[in-house]
PDB file of N, CA and C in Angstrom:
ATOM      1  N   UNK A   1     -14.562  -6.045  -0.227  1.00  0.00           N
ATOM      2  CA  UNK A   1     -13.444  -6.002  -0.154  1.00  0.00           C
ATOM      3  C   UNK A   1     -12.819  -4.406   0.143  1.00  0.00           C
ATOM      4  N   UNK A   2     -12.661  -3.551   0.458  1.00  0.00           N
ATOM      5  CA  UNK A   2     -12.813  -2.276   0.526  1.00  0.00           C
ATOM      6  C   UNK A   2     -10.679  -2.389  -0.028  1.00  0.00           C
ATOM      7  N   UNK A   3     -10.508  -1.522  -0.944  1.00  0.00           N
ATOM      8  CA  UNK A   3      -9.318  -1.543  -1.482  1.00  0.00           C
ATOM      9  C   UNK A   3      -7.883  -1.228  -0.579  1.00  0.00           C
ATOM     10  N   UNK A   4      -7.698  -0.587   0.560  1.00  0.00           N
ATOM     11  CA  UNK A   4      -6.659  -1.031   1.855  1.00  0.00           C
ATOM     12  C   UNK A   4      -6.627  -1.943   2.317  1.00  0.00           C
ATOM     13  N   UNK A   5      -7.973  -2.758   2.149  1.00  0.00           N
ATOM     14  CA  UNK A   5      -8.357  -4.131   3.027  1.00  0.00           C
ATOM     15  C   UNK A   5      -7.027  -4.994   2.156  1.00  0.00           C
ATOM     16  N   UNK A   6      -6.995  -4.852   0.668  1.00  0.00           N
ATOM     17  CA  UNK A   6      -6.268  -5.677  -0.466  1.00  0.00           C
ATOM     18  C   UNK A   6      -4.506  -5.742   0.336  1.00  0.00           C
ATOM     19  N   UNK A   7      -4.131  -3.911   0.547  1.00  0.00           N
ATOM     20  CA  UNK A   7      -2.404  -4.115   0.815  1.00  0.00           C
ATOM     21  C   UNK A   7      -2.664  -4.362   2.199  1.00  0.00           C
ATOM     22  N   UNK A   8      -3.029  -4.352   3.201  1.00  0.00           N
ATOM     23  CA  UNK A   8      -2.614  -4.763   4.366  1.00  0.00           C
ATOM     24  C   UNK A   8      -3.166  -6.662   4.819  1.00  0.00           C
ATOM     25  N   UNK A   9      -3.960  -7.162   3.989  1.00  0.00           N
ATOM     26  CA  UNK A   9      -4.066  -8.560   2.994  1.00  0.00           C
ATOM     27  C   UNK A   9      -2.874  -8.995   2.676  1.00  0.00           C
ATOM     28  N   UNK A  10      -2.373  -8.190   1.688  1.00  0.00           N
ATOM     29  CA  UNK A  10      -1.573  -9.089   1.174  1.00  0.00           C
ATOM     30  C   UNK A  10      -0.266  -8.528   2.183  1.00  0.00           C
ATOM     31  N   UNK A  11       0.456  -7.924   2.517  1.00  0.00           N
ATOM     32  CA  UNK A  11       1.305  -7.722   3.713  1.00  0.00           C
ATOM     33  C   UNK A  11       1.690  -8.822   4.903  1.00  0.00           C
ATOM     34  N   UNK A  12       0.069  -8.552   5.458  1.00  0.00           N
ATOM     35  CA  UNK A  12       0.006 -10.132   5.841  1.00  0.00           C
ATOM     36  C   UNK A  12       0.400 -11.416   5.153  1.00  0.00           C
ATOM     37  N   UNK A  13      -0.273 -11.707   4.270  1.00  0.00           N
ATOM     38  CA  UNK A  13      -0.301 -12.925   3.967  1.00  0.00           C
ATOM     39  C   UNK A  13       2.072 -12.981   3.449  1.00  0.00           C
ATOM     40  N   UNK A  14       2.008 -11.816   3.009  1.00  0.00           N
ATOM     41  CA  UNK A  14       3.327 -11.973   2.291  1.00  0.00           C
ATOM     42  C   UNK A  14       4.257 -12.323   3.641  1.00  0.00           C
ATOM     43  N   UNK A  15       4.496 -11.679   5.475  1.00  0.00           N
ATOM     44  CA  UNK A  15       5.101 -11.727   6.250  1.00  0.00           C
ATOM     45  C   UNK A  15       4.633 -13.438   6.667  1.00  0.00           C
ATOM     46  N   UNK A  16       3.438 -13.559   7.056  1.00  0.00           N
ATOM     47  CA  UNK A  16       2.934 -15.035   7.224  1.00  0.00           C
ATOM     48  C   UNK A  16       3.591 -15.832   6.626  1.00  0.00           C
ATOM     49  N   UNK A  17       4.075 -15.746   4.918  1.00  0.00           N
ATOM     50  CA  UNK A  17       4.308 -16.589   3.833  1.00  0.00           C
ATOM     51  C   UNK A  17       6.191 -16.913   4.607  1.00  0.00           C
ATOM     52  N   UNK A  18       6.523 -16.069   4.911  1.00  0.00           N
ATOM     53  CA  UNK A  18       8.055 -15.585   4.759  1.00  0.00           C
ATOM     54  C   UNK A  18       8.935 -16.684   6.421  1.00  0.00           C
ATOM     55  N   UNK A  19       7.570 -16.129   6.922  1.00  0.00           N
ATOM     56  CA  UNK A  19       7.644 -16.666   8.728  1.00  0.00           C
ATOM     57  C   UNK A  19       7.444 -18.237   8.423  1.00  0.00           C
ATOM     58  N   UNK A  20       6.382 -18.556   7.771  1.00  0.00           N
ATOM     59  CA  UNK A  20       6.099 -19.896   7.304  1.00  0.00           C
ATOM     60  C   UNK A  20       6.933 -21.077   6.801  1.00  0.00           C
ATOM     61  N   UNK A  21       7.715 -20.352   5.444  1.00  0.00           N
ATOM     62  CA  UNK A  21       8.962 -20.295   4.668  1.00  0.00           C
ATOM     63  C   UNK A  21       9.735 -20.732   5.555  1.00  0.00           C
ATOM     64  N   UNK A  22      10.280 -20.243   6.270  1.00  0.00           N
ATOM     65  CA  UNK A  22      11.908 -20.125   7.649  1.00  0.00           C
ATOM     66  C   UNK A  22      10.928 -21.031   8.843  1.00  0.00           C
ATOM     67  N   UNK A  23      10.453 -21.381   8.758  1.00  0.00           N
ATOM     68  CA  UNK A  23      10.076 -21.579  10.667  1.00  0.00           C
ATOM     69  C   UNK A  23       9.961 -23.082  10.261  1.00  0.00           C
ATOM     70  N   UNK A  24       9.087 -23.440   9.292  1.00  0.00           N
ATOM     71  CA  UNK A  24       8.398 -25.315   9.216  1.00  0.00           C
ATOM     72  C   UNK A  24       9.084 -26.043   7.561  1.00  0.00           C
ATOM     73  N   UNK A  25       8.683 -26.634   7.577  1.00  0.00           N
ATOM     74  CA  UNK A  25       8.828 -27.390   6.223  1.00  0.00           C
ATOM     75  C   UNK A  25       7.753 -27.139   5.420  1.00  0.00           C
ATOM     76  N   UNK A  26       6.997 -26.113   5.757  1.00  0.00           N
ATOM     77  CA  UNK A  26       5.522 -26.211   4.842  1.00  0.00           C
ATOM     78  C   UNK A  26       6.269 -25.262   3.806  1.00  0.00           C
ATOM     79  N   UNK A  27       6.964 -25.926   2.471  1.00  0.00           N
ATOM     80  CA  UNK A  27       7.803 -24.321   2.270  1.00  0.00           C
ATOM     81  C   UNK A  27       6.610 -24.442   0.514  1.00  0.00           C
ATOM     82  N   UNK A  28       5.725 -25.319   0.075  1.00  0.00           N
ATOM     83  CA  UNK A  28       4.576 -24.320  -0.590  1.00  0.00           C
ATOM     84  C   UNK A  28       3.756 -23.736  -0.576  1.00  0.00           C
ATOM     85  N   UNK A  29       3.337 -23.925   0.819  1.00  0.00           N
ATOM     86  CA  UNK A  29       2.477 -22.991   1.371  1.00  0.00           C
ATOM     87  C   UNK A  29       2.514 -21.370   1.681  1.00  0.00           C
ATOM     88  N   UNK A  30       4.121 -22.191   2.692  1.00  0.00           N
ATOM     89  CA  UNK A  30       4.476 -20.279   2.648  1.00  0.00           C
ATOM     90  C   UNK A  30       4.907 -20.152   0.773  1.00  0.00           C
ATOM     91  N   UNK A  31       5.322 -20.343   0.007  1.00  0.00           N
ATOM     92  CA  UNK A  31       4.982 -19.846  -1.148  1.00  0.00           C
ATOM     93  C   UNK A  31       4.571 -19.110  -1.981  1.00  0.00           C
ATOM     94  N   UNK A  32       3.067 -20.127  -1.914  1.00  0.00           N
ATOM     95  CA  UNK A  32       2.282 -19.553  -2.285  1.00  0.00           C
ATOM     96  C   UNK A  32       1.699 -18.277  -1.251  1.00  0.00           C
ATOM     97  N   UNK A  33       1.870 -18.271  -0.484  1.00  0.00           N
ATOM     98  CA  UNK A  33       1.387 -17.121   0.827  1.00  0.00           C
ATOM     99  C   UNK A  33       2.371 -16.298   0.092  1.00  0.00           C
ATOM    100  N   UNK A  34       3.407 -16.194  -0.198  1.00  0.00           N
ATOM    101  CA  UNK A  34       4.392 -14.957  -0.391  1.00  0.00           C
ATOM    102  C   UNK A  34       3.801 -14.498  -1.855  1.00  0.00           C
ATOM    103  N   UNK A  35       3.695 -15.686  -2.781  1.00  0.00           N
ATOM    104  CA  UNK A  35       2.918 -15.220  -3.709  1.00  0.00           C
ATOM    105  C   UNK A  35       1.730 -14.729  -3.828  1.00  0.00           C
ATOM    106  N   UNK A  36       0.910 -14.828  -3.065  1.00  0.00           N
ATOM    107  CA  UNK A  36      -0.598 -14.271  -3.133  1.00  0.00           C
ATOM    108  C   UNK A  36      -0.805 -13.297  -2.285  1.00  0.00           C
ATOM    109  N   UNK A  37       0.630 -12.730  -1.869  1.00  0.00           N
ATOM    110  CA  UNK A  37       0.572 -11.262  -0.661  1.00  0.00           C
ATOM    111  C   UNK A  37       0.863 -10.248  -2.066  1.00  0.00           C
ATOM    112  N   UNK A  38       1.644 -10.949  -2.667  1.00  0.00           N
ATOM    113  CA  UNK A  38       2.552  -9.970  -3.814  1.00  0.00           C
ATOM    114  C   UNK A  38       1.581  -9.134  -4.343  1.00  0.00           C
ATOM    115  N   UNK A  39       0.919 -10.395  -5.080  1.00  0.00           N
ATOM    116  CA  UNK A  39      -0.100 -10.229  -6.203  1.00  0.00           C
ATOM    117  C   UNK A  39      -1.417  -8.975  -5.100  1.00  0.00           C
ATOM    118  N   UNK A  40      -1.761  -9.165  -4.515  1.00  0.00           N
ATOM    119  CA  UNK A  40      -2.859  -8.809  -3.734  1.00  0.00           C
ATOM    120  C   UNK A  40      -2.286  -7.142  -3.488  1.00  0.00           C
ATOM    121  N   UNK A  41      -1.091  -6.751  -3.069  1.00  0.00           N
ATOM    122  CA  UNK A  41      -0.059  -5.570  -3.414  1.00  0.00           C
ATOM    123  C   UNK A  41       0.278  -5.002  -4.458  1.00  0.00           C
ATOM    124  N   UNK A  42       0.322  -5.346  -5.562  1.00  0.00           N
ATOM    125  CA  UNK A  42      -0.215  -4.922  -6.952  1.00  0.00           C
ATOM    126  C   UNK A  42      -1.283  -4.559  -7.186  1.00  0.00           C
ATOM    127  N   UNK A  43      -1.946  -5.606  -7.140  1.00  0.00           N
ATOM    128  CA  UNK A  43      -3.466  -5.180  -7.101  1.00  0.00           C
ATOM    129  C   UNK A  43      -3.618  -3.793  -7.028  1.00  0.00           C
ATOM    130  N   UNK A  44      -3.626  -3.731  -5.752  1.00  0.00           N
ATOM    131  CA  UNK A  44      -3.819  -2.196  -4.350  1.00  0.00           C
ATOM    132  C   UNK A  44      -2.795  -1.005  -5.617  1.00  0.00           C
ATOM    133  N   UNK A  45      -2.043  -1.390  -5.837  1.00  0.00           N
ATOM    134  CA  UNK A  45      -0.439  -0.176  -6.833  1.00  0.00           C
ATOM    135  C   UNK A  45      -1.583   0.191  -7.815  1.00  0.00           C
ATOM    136  N   UNK A  46      -1.470  -1.317  -8.755  1.00  0.00           N
ATOM    137  CA  UNK A  46      -2.557  -0.294  -9.839  1.00  0.00           C
ATOM    138  C   UNK A  46      -3.968   0.013  -9.769  1.00  0.00           C
ATOM    139  N   UNK A  47      -4.388  -0.534  -9.177  1.00  0.00           N
ATOM    140  CA  UNK A  47      -5.921   0.394  -8.937  1.00  0.00           C
ATOM    141  C   UNK A  47      -6.244   1.386  -8.346  1.00  0.00           C
ATOM    142  N   UNK A  48      -4.637   1.809  -7.732  1.00  0.00           N
ATOM    143  CA  UNK A  48      -4.266   3.472  -7.498  1.00  0.00           C
ATOM    144  C   UNK A  48      -3.924   4.507  -8.808  1.00  0.00           C
ATOM    145  N   UNK A  49      -3.368   3.174  -9.474  1.00  0.00           N
ATOM    146  CA  UNK A  49      -2.883   4.152 -10.657  1.00  0.00           C
ATOM    147  C   UNK A  49      -3.889   4.252 -11.315  1.00  0.00           C
ATOM    148  N   UNK A  50      -4.687   3.579 -11.461  1.00  0.00           N
ATOM    149  CA  UNK A  50      -5.548   3.654 -12.623  1.00  0.00           C
ATOM    150  C   UNK A  50      -6.671   4.694 -12.348  1.00  0.00           C
ATOM    151  N   UNK A  51      -6.896   4.821 -10.693  1.00  0.00           N
ATOM    152  CA  UNK A  51      -7.789   5.498 -10.139  1.00  0.00           C
ATOM    153  C   UNK A  51      -7.581   7.104 -10.892  1.00  0.00           C
ATOM    154  N   UNK A  52      -6.098   7.319 -10.764  1.00  0.00           N
ATOM    155  CA  UNK A  52      -5.666   8.589 -10.379  1.00  0.00           C
ATOM    156  C   UNK A  52      -5.609   8.856  -9.417  1.00  0.00           C
ATOM    157  N   UNK A  53      -5.603   8.301  -8.123  1.00  0.00           N
ATOM    158  CA  UNK A  53      -5.091   8.404  -6.740  1.00  0.00           C
ATOM    159  C   UNK A  53      -3.771   8.333  -6.888  1.00  0.00           C
ATOM    160  N   UNK A  54      -3.139   7.638  -7.520  1.00  0.00           N
ATOM    161  CA  UNK A  54      -1.165   7.521  -7.501  1.00  0.00           C
ATOM    162  C   UNK A  54      -0.731   7.845  -8.901  1.00  0.00           C
ATOM    163  N   UNK A  55       0.055   8.808  -8.603  1.00  0.00           N
ATOM    164  CA  UNK A  55       0.727   8.955  -9.788  1.00  0.00           C
ATOM    165  C   UNK A  55       2.749   8.701  -9.754  1.00  0.00           C
ATOM    166  N   UNK A  56       2.478   7.383 -10.145  1.00  0.00           N
ATOM    167  CA  UNK A  56       4.577   7.788  -9.798  1.00  0.00           C
ATOM    168  C   UNK A  56       5.272   8.530  -9.735  1.00  0.00           C
ATOM    169  N   UNK A  57       6.238   8.534  -8.841  1.00  0.00           N
ATOM    170  CA  UNK A  57       7.114   9.786  -9.046  1.00  0.00           C
ATOM    171  C   UNK A  57       8.425   8.436  -8.283  1.00  0.00           C
ATOM    172  N   UNK A  58       9.153   9.881  -7.853  1.00  0.00           N
ATOM    173  CA  UNK A  58      10.695   9.591  -6.977  1.00  0.00           C
ATOM    174  C   UNK A  58      10.676   8.210  -6.401  1.00  0.00           C
ATOM    175  N   UNK A  59       9.465   8.152  -5.786  1.00  0.00           N
ATOM    176  CA  UNK A  59       9.370   7.344  -4.950  1.00  0.00           C
ATOM    177  C   UNK A  59       9.178   5.919  -5.346  1.00  0.00           C
ATOM    178  N   UNK A  60       9.357   5.563  -6.819  1.00  0.00           N
ATOM    179  CA  UNK A  60       9.475   4.123  -7.438  1.00  0.00           C
ATOM    180  C   UNK A  60      10.945   3.979  -7.182  1.00  0.00           C
ATOM    181  N   UNK A  61      11.930   4.742  -7.276  1.00  0.00           N
ATOM    182  CA  UNK A  61      13.164   4.428  -7.606  1.00  0.00           C
ATOM    183  C   UNK A  61      13.296   3.600  -6.629  1.00  0.00           C
ATOM    184  N   UNK A  62      12.921   4.113  -4.702  1.00  0.00           N
ATOM    185  CA  UNK A  62      12.809   2.903  -3.516  1.00  0.00           C
ATOM    186  C   UNK A  62      12.682   1.727  -4.209  1.00  0.00           C
ATOM    187  N   UNK A  63      11.663   1.457  -4.574  1.00  0.00           N
ATOM    188  CA  UNK A  63      10.654   0.141  -5.288  1.00  0.00           C
ATOM    189  C   UNK A  63      12.277  -0.517  -5.624  1.00  0.00           C
ATOM    190  N   UNK A  64      12.313   0.015  -7.026  1.00  0.00           N
ATOM    191  CA  UNK A  64      12.820  -0.759  -7.819  1.00  0.00           C
ATOM    192  C   UNK A  64      14.431  -1.010  -7.438  1.00  0.00           C
ATOM    193  N   UNK A  65      15.070  -0.006  -6.624  1.00  0.00           N
ATOM    194  CA  UNK A  65      16.166  -0.136  -6.497  1.00  0.00           C
ATOM    195  C   UNK A  65      15.963  -1.617  -5.141  1.00  0.00           C
ATOM    196  N   UNK A  66      15.362  -1.206  -4.011  1.00  0.00           N
ATOM    197  CA  UNK A  66      14.821  -2.152  -3.245  1.00  0.00           C
ATOM    198  C   UNK A  66      14.966  -3.834  -3.950  1.00  0.00           C
ATOM    199  N   UNK A  67      14.422  -3.506  -5.009  1.00  0.00           N
ATOM    200  CA  UNK A  67      14.106  -5.138  -5.318  1.00  0.00           C
ATOM    201  C   UNK A  67      15.142  -5.376  -6.266  1.00  0.00           C
ATOM    202  N   UNK A  68      16.198  -5.151  -6.519  1.00  0.00           N
ATOM    203  CA  UNK A  68      17.300  -5.240  -7.505  1.00  0.00           C
ATOM    204  C   UNK A  68      18.297  -5.863  -6.109  1.00  0.00           C
ATOM    205  N   UNK A  69      18.067  -5.354  -5.079  1.00  0.00           N
ATOM    206  CA  UNK A  69      18.848  -5.647  -3.954  1.00  0.00           C
ATOM    207  C   UNK A  69      18.892  -6.650  -2.901  1.00  0.00           C
ATOM    208  N   UNK A  70      17.911  -7.350  -3.279  1.00  0.00           N
ATOM    209  CA  UNK A  70      16.962  -7.819  -2.753  1.00  0.00           C
ATOM    210  C   UNK A  70      16.963  -9.209  -3.549  1.00  0.00           C
ATOM    211  N   UNK A  71      16.722  -9.601  -4.387  1.00  0.00           N
ATOM    212  CA  UNK A  71      17.071 -10.396  -5.608  1.00  0.00           C
ATOM    213  C   UNK A  71      18.663 -10.371  -6.159  1.00  0.00           C
ATOM    214  N   UNK A  72      19.397 -10.009  -5.516  1.00  0.00           N
ATOM    215  CA  UNK A  72      21.133  -9.988  -5.714  1.00  0.00           C
ATOM    216  C   UNK A  72      21.832 -10.043  -4.211  1.00  0.00           C
ATOM    217  N   UNK A  73      20.740 -10.305  -3.071  1.00  0.00           N
ATOM    218  CA  UNK A  73      20.975 -11.149  -2.219  1.00  0.00           C
ATOM    219  C   UNK A  73      20.590 -12.577  -2.029  1.00  0.00           C
ATOM    220  N   UNK A  74      18.989 -12.450  -2.883  1.00  0.00           N
ATOM    221  CA  UNK A  74      19.086 -14.123  -2.351  1.00  0.00           C
ATOM    222  C   UNK A  74      19.626 -14.832  -3.031  1.00  0.00           C
ATOM    223  N   UNK A  75      20.205 -14.177  -4.771  1.00  0.00           N
ATOM    224  CA  UNK A  75      21.122 -15.156  -5.616  1.00  0.00           C
ATOM    225  C   UNK A  75      22.539 -15.221  -4.887  1.00  0.00           C
ATOM    226  N   UNK A  76      23.356 -14.168  -4.260  1.00  0.00           N
ATOM    227  CA  UNK A  76      24.415 -14.384  -3.772  1.00  0.00           C
ATOM    228  C   UNK A  76      24.101 -15.933  -2.585  1.00  0.00           C
ATOM    229  N   UNK A  77      23.515 -15.188  -1.930  1.00  0.00           N
ATOM    230  CA  UNK A  77      23.482 -16.570  -0.487  1.00  0.00           C
ATOM    231  C   UNK A  77      23.274 -17.614  -1.076  1.00  0.00           C
ATOM    232  N   UNK A  78      22.831 -18.287  -2.554  1.00  0.00           N
ATOM    233  CA  UNK A  78      23.081 -19.144  -3.055  1.00  0.00           C
ATOM    234  C   UNK A  78      24.257 -19.506  -3.535  1.00  0.00           C
ATOM    235  N   UNK A  79      25.201 -18.554  -4.120  1.00  0.00           N
ATOM    236  CA  UNK A  79      26.476 -18.926  -4.319  1.00  0.00           C
ATOM    237  C   UNK A  79      27.305 -19.013  -2.730  1.00  0.00           C
ATOM    238  N   UNK A  80      28.718 -19.733  -3.399  1.00  0.00           N
ATOM    239  CA  UNK A  80      29.264 -19.492  -1.941  1.00  0.00           C
ATOM    240  C   UNK A  80      30.834 -18.337  -2.407  1.00  0.00           C
ATOM    241  N   UNK A  81      30.200 -17.083  -1.953  1.00  0.00           N
ATOM    242  CA  UNK A  81      31.310 -15.746  -2.609  1.00  0.00           C
ATOM    243  C   UNK A  81      31.185 -15.340  -1.266  1.00  0.00           C
ATOM    244  N   UNK A  82      32.621 -14.757  -0.984  1.00  0.00           N
ATOM    245  CA  UNK A  82      32.886 -13.688   0.314  1.00  0.00           C
ATOM    246  C   UNK A  82      33.075 -12.732   0.062  1.00  0.00           C
ATOM    247  N   UNK A  83      32.919 -12.195  -0.980  1.00  0.00           N
ATOM    248  CA  UNK A  83      32.681 -10.318  -1.068  1.00  0.00           C
ATOM    249  C   UNK A  83      31.820  -9.620  -0.045  1.00  0.00           C
ATOM    250  N   UNK A  84      30.861  -9.943   0.004  1.00  0.00           N
ATOM    251  CA  UNK A  84      29.917  -9.151   0.680  1.00  0.00           C
ATOM    252  C   UNK A  84      28.904  -9.822   0.983  1.00  0.00           C
ATOM    253  N   UNK A  85      28.361 -10.035   2.323  1.00  0.00           N
ATOM    254  CA  UNK A  85      27.263 -10.832   3.208  1.00  0.00           C
ATOM    255  C   UNK A  85      26.128 -10.390   2.329  1.00  0.00           C
ATOM    256  N   UNK A  86      25.559 -11.438   2.022  1.00  0.00           N
ATOM    257  CA  UNK A  86      24.024 -10.998   1.120  1.00  0.00           C
ATOM    258  C   UNK A  86      22.885 -10.778   1.980  1.00  0.00           C
ATOM    259  N   UNK A  87      23.244 -10.888   3.033  1.00  0.00           N
ATOM    260  CA  UNK A  87      21.905 -10.460   4.225  1.00  0.00           C
ATOM    261  C   UNK A  87      21.778  -9.097   4.028  1.00  0.00           C
ATOM    262  N   UNK A  88      23.167  -9.019   4.118  1.00  0.00           N
ATOM    263  CA  UNK A  88      23.128  -6.932   4.232  1.00  0.00           C
ATOM    264  C   UNK A  88      22.118  -6.272   2.846  1.00  0.00           C
ATOM    265  N   UNK A  89      22.407  -6.994   1.664  1.00  0.00           N
ATOM    266  CA  UNK A  89      21.843  -6.959   0.695  1.00  0.00           C
ATOM    267  C   UNK A  89      20.116  -6.991   0.658  1.00  0.00           C
ATOM    268  N   UNK A  90      20.048  -8.175   1.056  1.00  0.00           N
ATOM    269  CA  UNK A  90      18.567  -8.118   1.585  1.00  0.00           C
ATOM    270  C   UNK A  90      18.026  -7.187   2.432  1.00  0.00           C
ATOM    271  N   UNK A  91      18.192  -6.894   3.260  1.00  0.00           N
ATOM    272  CA  UNK A  91      17.855  -6.350   4.531  1.00  0.00           C
ATOM    273  C   UNK A  91      17.684  -5.257   3.903  1.00  0.00           C
ATOM    274  N   UNK A  92      18.317  -4.437   3.478  1.00  0.00           N
ATOM    275  CA  UNK A  92      18.643  -2.711   2.316  1.00  0.00           C
ATOM    276  C   UNK A  92      17.377  -2.964   1.652  1.00  0.00           C
ATOM    277  N   UNK A  93      17.775  -3.658   0.737  1.00  0.00           N
ATOM    278  CA  UNK A  93      16.602  -3.880   0.047  1.00  0.00           C
ATOM    279  C   UNK A  93      15.247  -3.859   0.476  1.00  0.00           C
ATOM    280  N   UNK A  94      14.838  -4.901   1.578  1.00  0.00           N
ATOM    281  CA  UNK A  94      13.563  -4.686   1.869  1.00  0.00           C
ATOM    282  C   UNK A  94      13.265  -2.991   2.961  1.00  0.00           C
ATOM    283  N   UNK A  95      14.129  -2.719   3.382  1.00  0.00           N
ATOM    284  CA  UNK A  95      13.837  -1.232   3.993  1.00  0.00           C
ATOM    285  C   UNK A  95      13.630  -0.083   2.926  1.00  0.00           C
ATOM    286  N   UNK A  96      14.660  -0.344   1.359  1.00  0.00           N
ATOM    287  CA  UNK A  96      13.976   0.456   0.929  1.00  0.00           C
ATOM    288  C   UNK A  96      12.344   0.424   0.184  1.00  0.00           C
ATOM    289  N   UNK A  97      12.206  -1.135  -0.014  1.00  0.00           N
ATOM    290  CA  UNK A  97      10.702  -1.462  -0.421  1.00  0.00           C
ATOM    291  C   UNK A  97       9.881  -0.997   0.570  1.00  0.00           C
ATOM    292  N   UNK A  98       9.985  -1.180   1.799  1.00  0.00           N
ATOM    293  CA  UNK A  98       9.529  -0.155   3.120  1.00  0.00           C
ATOM    294  C   UNK A  98       9.705   1.406   2.885  1.00  0.00           C
ATOM    295  N   UNK A  99      10.623   1.540   2.693  1.00  0.00           N
ATOM    296  CA  UNK A  99      10.180   3.150   2.699  1.00  0.00           C
ATOM    297  C   UNK A  99       9.395   3.501   1.222  1.00  0.00           C
ATOM    298  N   UNK A 100       9.187   2.864   0.230  1.00  0.00           N
ATOM    299  CA  UNK A 100       8.834   3.175  -0.925  1.00  0.00           C
ATOM    300  C   UNK A 100       6.784   3.003  -0.431  1.00  0.00           C
ATOM    301  N   UNK A 101       6.866   2.184   0.274  1.00  0.00           N
ATOM    302  CA  UNK A 101       5.599   1.400   0.798  1.00  0.00           C
ATOM    303  C   UNK A 101       4.990   2.590   1.531  1.00  0.00           C
ATOM    304  N   UNK A 102       5.710   3.334   2.612  1.00  0.00           N
ATOM    305  CA  UNK A 102       5.304   4.357   3.545  1.00  0.00           C
ATOM    306  C   UNK A 102       5.078   5.516   2.512  1.00  0.00           C
ATOM    307  N   UNK A 103       5.426   5.824   1.428  1.00  0.00           N
ATOM    308  CA  UNK A 103       5.919   6.954   1.237  1.00  0.00           C
ATOM    309  C   UNK A 103       4.547   6.881  -0.227  1.00  0.00           C
ATOM    310  N   UNK A 104       4.230   5.678  -0.485  1.00  0.00           N
ATOM    311  CA  UNK A 104       3.298   5.385  -1.570  1.00  0.00           C
ATOM    312  C   UNK A 104       1.673   5.492  -0.851  1.00  0.00           C
ATOM    313  N   UNK A 105       1.849   5.362   0.889  1.00  0.00           N
ATOM    314  CA  UNK A 105       0.775   5.508   1.628  1.00  0.00           C
ATOM    315  C   UNK A 105       0.285   6.950   1.774  1.00  0.00           C
ATOM    316  N   UNK A 106       1.778   7.935   2.159  1.00  0.00           N
ATOM    317  CA  UNK A 106       1.357   9.430   2.414  1.00  0.00           C
ATOM    318  C   UNK A 106       0.811   9.380   0.999  1.00  0.00           C
ATOM    319  N   UNK A 107       1.438   9.475   0.076  1.00  0.00           N
ATOM    320  CA  UNK A 107       0.549   9.979  -1.292  1.00  0.00           C
ATOM    321  C   UNK A 107      -0.764   9.789  -1.511  1.00  0.00           C
ATOM    322  N   UNK A 108      -0.894   8.616  -1.401  1.00  0.00           N
ATOM    323  CA  UNK A 108      -2.620   7.929  -1.481  1.00  0.00           C
ATOM    324  C   UNK A 108      -3.397   8.554  -0.427  1.00  0.00           C
ATOM    325  N   UNK A 109      -2.707   8.732   0.729  1.00  0.00           N
ATOM    326  CA  UNK A 109      -3.270   9.688   1.424  1.00  0.00           C
ATOM    327  C   UNK A 109      -3.733  11.405   1.185  1.00  0.00           C
ATOM    328  N   UNK A 110      -2.810  11.587   1.162  1.00  0.00           N
ATOM    329  CA  UNK A 110      -2.613  13.353   1.345  1.00  0.00           C
ATOM    330  C   UNK A 110      -3.395  13.558  -0.604  1.00  0.00           C
ATOM    331  N   UNK A 111      -3.802  12.579  -1.404  1.00  0.00           N
ATOM    332  CA  UNK A 111      -4.588  12.546  -2.824  1.00  0.00           C
ATOM    333  C   UNK A 111      -5.855  12.435  -2.324  1.00  0.00           C
ATOM    334  N   UNK A 112      -6.435  11.426  -1.619  1.00  0.00           N
ATOM    335  CA  UNK A 112      -7.560  11.516  -1.291  1.00  0.00           C
ATOM    336  C   UNK A 112      -8.350  12.564  -0.164  1.00  0.00           C
ATOM    337  N   UNK A 113      -7.724  13.451   0.427  1.00  0.00           N
ATOM    338  CA  UNK A 113      -7.946  14.722   1.254  1.00  0.00           C
ATOM    339  C   UNK A 113      -7.934  15.954   0.260  1.00  0.00           C
ATOM    340  N   UNK A 114      -7.341  15.779  -0.422  1.00  0.00           N
ATOM    341  CA  UNK A 114      -7.102  16.899  -1.043  1.00  0.00           C
ATOM    342  C   UNK A 114      -8.979  16.999  -2.442  1.00  0.00           C
ATOM    343  N   UNK A 115      -9.282  15.537  -2.428  1.00  0.00           N
ATOM    344  CA  UNK A 115     -10.637  15.458  -3.054  1.00  0.00           C
ATOM    345  C   UNK A 115     -11.425  15.497  -2.025  1.00  0.00           C
TER     346      UNK A 115
END
């Protein structure tokens, strides 16, 4: 499988797992799909770092902040607090993660064009 395929299959599995977990009672299969998708995306990013096609920069801040906001939102969703609506944190976190992925793809593409 081409390395770019890992990224796209990972994203598809992640989305599929989220939809499956939310819309059906198949929580185990949904969770397995999410974990597999995240693993494939991580393998893709690590392989690009190892090959030198991607050198982590300031865009990693979007990933870190996105993950932090996402997990805080998930945590607050389980606790009954009235300070902030957790869905806002989750959506902003996912948006930051998407910004990271878009920027990551742009950097990898520009590195491939230069070679």
